[in-house]
Amino acid sequence: MGQALGFVGIAVILWSHWSRHRRTTVVRNAVASVILCASYLLLGMPGTAAIPALAAVRGWVVARSDEASWARSHWWTPAFVTAIWIAYLSLNGIPTWWAAWLPILGSGLVIVALSLRDVLHVKVVMFFGVATWVTYEVAFGLWGVLGGEIIGLGLIATAFMMIVRQRRALAEVARSSVKV
């Protein structure tokens, strides 16, 4: 059941990327975080479950940033990174296996990525955050979510290439208009 919920949670995250509206994307991502939290709890992984639980709260804060000035604070990024570290380590203790450090590393990268302004930087940091989660899922045999994460890596890489091509094309147009 936990693996199946993980698959559904990742599907909702992928669905969130199809929205053209930031708020819809953030809300769908928060819903996916709640589903992933339940998945990890059912799999007996409370420390890992704390990460999507906090991500759901982060999603609520980010969704409110359009209407509430307190939600636009730059302090949210270090606050959520710190909260994830504290929650994970307090529920799991200090990890003794290298792979057990990956959820907090990957989540920290994703939180930092979402706080960046340049979309190209967001995609690069997000790619490494998701790749960290893929490594974790392989190490722990979380096959229900692995496929979706790999698809996510492909979507991020594709978006990165599209952004680079678009920027090159715009730069070429700018150069050719200056020559005229």
Protein backbone atom coordinates (compact mmCIF):
# COMPACT_ATOMS: atom_id res chain seq x y z
CA MET A 1 0.00 0.00 0.00
CA GLY A 2 2.84 2.41 0.84
CA GLN A 3 4.55 1.79 -2.50
CA ALA A 4 1.25 2.35 -4.36
CA LEU A 5 0.66 5.63 -2.53
CA GLY A 6 4.20 6.68 -3.43
CA PHE A 7 3.42 6.04 -7.08
CA VAL A 8 0.26 8.18 -6.82
CA GLY A 9 2.18 10.96 -5.04
CA ILE A 10 4.83 11.09 -7.75
CA ALA A 11 2.08 11.07 -10.42
CA VAL A 12 0.51 14.14 -8.77
CA ILE A 13 3.93 15.88 -8.72
CA LEU A 14 4.33 15.17 -12.45
CA TRP A 15 0.76 16.44 -13.01
CA SER A 16 1.70 19.65 -11.19
CA HIS A 17 4.26 20.42 -13.91
CA TRP A 18 1.51 20.57 -16.54
CA SER A 19 -0.06 23.67 -15.05
CA ARG A 20 0.73 27.06 -16.53
CA HIS A 21 -0.14 28.81 -13.28
CA ARG A 22 2.35 28.99 -10.45
CA ARG A 23 -0.22 28.72 -7.68
CA THR A 24 -1.86 25.62 -9.21
CA THR A 25 1.57 24.01 -9.53
CA VAL A 26 2.42 24.78 -5.91
CA VAL A 27 -0.94 23.53 -4.57
CA ARG A 28 -0.74 20.27 -6.55
CA ASN A 29 2.82 19.80 -5.29
CA ALA A 30 1.61 20.30 -1.70
CA VAL A 31 -1.15 17.71 -2.22
CA ALA A 32 1.47 15.30 -3.57
CA SER A 33 3.57 15.95 -0.48
CA VAL A 34 0.69 14.89 1.78
CA ILE A 35 0.28 11.68 -0.24
CA LEU A 36 4.03 10.97 -0.09
CA CYS A 37 4.01 11.60 3.67
CA ALA A 38 1.33 8.92 4.06
CA SER A 39 3.32 6.60 1.78
CA TYR A 40 6.47 6.87 3.89
CA LEU A 41 4.51 6.42 7.11
CA LEU A 42 2.95 3.23 5.76
CA LEU A 43 6.43 2.03 4.81
CA GLY A 44 7.61 2.62 8.39
CA MET A 45 9.83 5.59 7.54
CA PRO A 46 8.74 8.41 9.88
CA GLY A 47 11.90 10.49 9.42
CA THR A 48 11.48 10.47 5.66
CA ALA A 49 7.73 11.16 6.07
CA ALA A 50 8.59 14.36 7.94
CA ILE A 51 10.17 15.78 4.77
CA PRO A 52 7.04 15.81 2.57
CA ALA A 53 4.98 16.89 5.60
CA LEU A 54 7.15 19.99 5.87
CA ALA A 55 7.08 20.36 2.07
CA ALA A 56 3.27 20.52 2.24
CA VAL A 57 3.54 23.37 4.76
CA ARG A 58 6.13 25.04 2.53
CA GLY A 59 3.72 24.71 -0.39
CA TRP A 60 1.00 26.42 1.61
CA VAL A 61 3.35 29.30 2.45
CA VAL A 62 4.55 29.65 -1.15
CA ALA A 63 0.97 29.54 -2.46
CA ARG A 64 0.14 32.46 -0.13
CA SER A 65 3.12 34.55 -1.28
CA ASP A 66 0.99 36.32 -3.90
CA GLU A 67 -1.41 37.66 -1.29
CA ALA A 68 0.54 37.87 1.98
CA SER A 69 3.75 39.83 2.41
CA TRP A 70 4.93 37.62 5.31
CA ALA A 71 4.99 34.65 2.91
CA ARG A 72 7.50 36.39 0.61
CA SER A 73 10.24 36.52 3.22
CA HIS A 74 13.67 35.25 2.15
CA TRP A 75 13.97 33.58 5.56
CA TRP A 76 11.59 30.76 4.56
CA THR A 77 14.27 28.93 2.58
CA PRO A 78 16.79 28.52 5.44
CA ALA A 79 13.90 27.97 7.88
CA PHE A 80 12.50 25.02 5.89
CA VAL A 81 15.95 23.53 5.20
CA THR A 82 16.70 23.70 8.93
CA ALA A 83 13.28 22.28 9.87
CA ILE A 84 13.76 19.33 7.52
CA TRP A 85 17.18 18.56 9.00
CA ILE A 86 15.89 18.80 12.57
CA ALA A 87 12.78 16.68 11.90
CA TYR A 88 14.63 14.00 9.96
CA LEU A 89 17.52 13.69 12.42
CA SER A 90 15.29 13.78 15.50
CA LEU A 91 13.07 10.99 14.13
CA ASN A 92 15.87 8.86 12.66
CA GLY A 93 18.90 9.75 14.75
CA ILE A 94 22.26 10.36 13.11
CA PRO A 95 22.41 8.18 9.99
CA THR A 96 25.20 5.62 9.91
CA TRP A 97 24.67 4.61 6.28
CA TRP A 98 25.54 7.09 3.51
CA ALA A 99 22.20 6.63 1.70
CA ALA A 100 20.22 7.65 4.78
CA TRP A 101 21.59 11.21 4.39
CA LEU A 102 20.15 11.57 0.89
CA PRO A 103 16.55 12.65 1.72
CA ILE A 104 17.66 15.74 3.62
CA LEU A 105 20.31 16.55 1.03
CA GLY A 106 17.85 16.14 -1.86
CA SER A 107 15.10 18.08 -0.12
CA GLY A 108 17.48 20.86 0.79
CA LEU A 109 18.52 21.16 -2.85
CA VAL A 110 14.88 21.26 -4.00
CA ILE A 111 14.00 23.95 -1.44
CA VAL A 112 17.00 26.04 -2.48
CA ALA A 113 16.12 25.52 -6.17
CA LEU A 114 12.58 26.80 -5.63
CA SER A 115 13.95 29.94 -3.99
CA LEU A 116 16.16 30.91 -6.94
CA ARG A 117 15.06 33.62 -9.36
CA ASP A 118 16.60 32.45 -12.66
CA VAL A 119 14.62 29.52 -14.06
CA LEU A 120 17.79 27.99 -15.54
CA HIS A 121 19.40 27.91 -12.09
CA VAL A 122 16.19 26.45 -10.68
CA LYS A 123 16.30 23.59 -13.20
CA VAL A 124 19.99 22.80 -12.59
CA VAL A 125 19.71 22.68 -8.80
CA MET A 126 16.35 20.85 -9.01
CA PHE A 127 17.93 18.21 -11.28
CA PHE A 128 20.57 17.42 -8.67
CA GLY A 129 17.95 17.39 -5.90
CA VAL A 130 15.79 14.89 -7.79
CA ALA A 131 18.87 12.81 -8.75
CA THR A 132 19.68 12.60 -5.03
CA TRP A 133 16.18 11.26 -4.35
CA VAL A 134 16.55 8.72 -7.19
CA THR A 135 19.74 7.43 -5.57
CA TYR A 136 17.93 7.16 -2.22
CA GLU A 137 15.01 5.28 -3.75
CA VAL A 138 17.31 2.77 -5.45
CA ALA A 139 19.31 2.27 -2.23
CA PHE A 140 16.14 1.60 -0.19
CA GLY A 141 14.18 -0.27 -2.87
CA LEU A 142 11.37 2.27 -3.17
CA TRP A 143 10.36 1.09 -6.62
CA GLY A 144 6.86 2.62 -6.55
CA VAL A 145 8.21 6.16 -6.73
CA LEU A 146 11.40 5.52 -8.70
CA GLY A 147 9.80 5.54 -12.15
CA GLY A 148 8.13 8.88 -11.57
CA GLU A 149 11.34 10.42 -10.27
CA ILE A 150 13.22 9.23 -13.36
CA ILE A 151 10.50 10.75 -15.55
CA GLY A 152 10.89 13.93 -13.49
CA LEU A 153 14.63 13.97 -14.24
CA GLY A 154 13.82 13.69 -17.94
CA LEU A 155 11.30 16.54 -17.73
CA ILE A 156 13.78 18.76 -15.91
CA ALA A 157 16.54 18.00 -18.43
CA THR A 158 14.16 18.67 -21.33
CA ALA A 159 13.03 21.97 -19.80
CA PHE A 160 16.68 22.95 -19.23
CA MET A 161 17.54 22.31 -22.89
CA MET A 162 14.46 24.22 -24.08
CA ILE A 163 15.38 27.23 -21.93
CA VAL A 164 18.98 27.20 -23.20
CA ARG A 165 17.79 26.99 -26.84
CA GLN A 166 15.30 29.81 -26.29
CA ARG A 167 17.95 32.03 -24.71
CA ARG A 168 20.39 31.31 -27.54
CA ALA A 169 17.71 32.15 -30.12
CA LEU A 170 16.86 35.40 -28.33
CA ALA A 171 20.54 36.30 -28.14
CA GLU A 172 20.94 35.58 -31.86
CA VAL A 173 17.94 37.78 -32.70
CA ALA A 174 19.38 40.55 -30.53
CA ARG A 175 22.78 40.28 -32.26
CA SER A 176 21.26 40.29 -35.74
CA SER A 177 19.07 43.33 -34.96
CA VAL A 178 22.14 45.25 -33.76
CA LYS A 179 23.99 44.52 -37.05
CA VAL A 180 21.17 45.96 -39.15
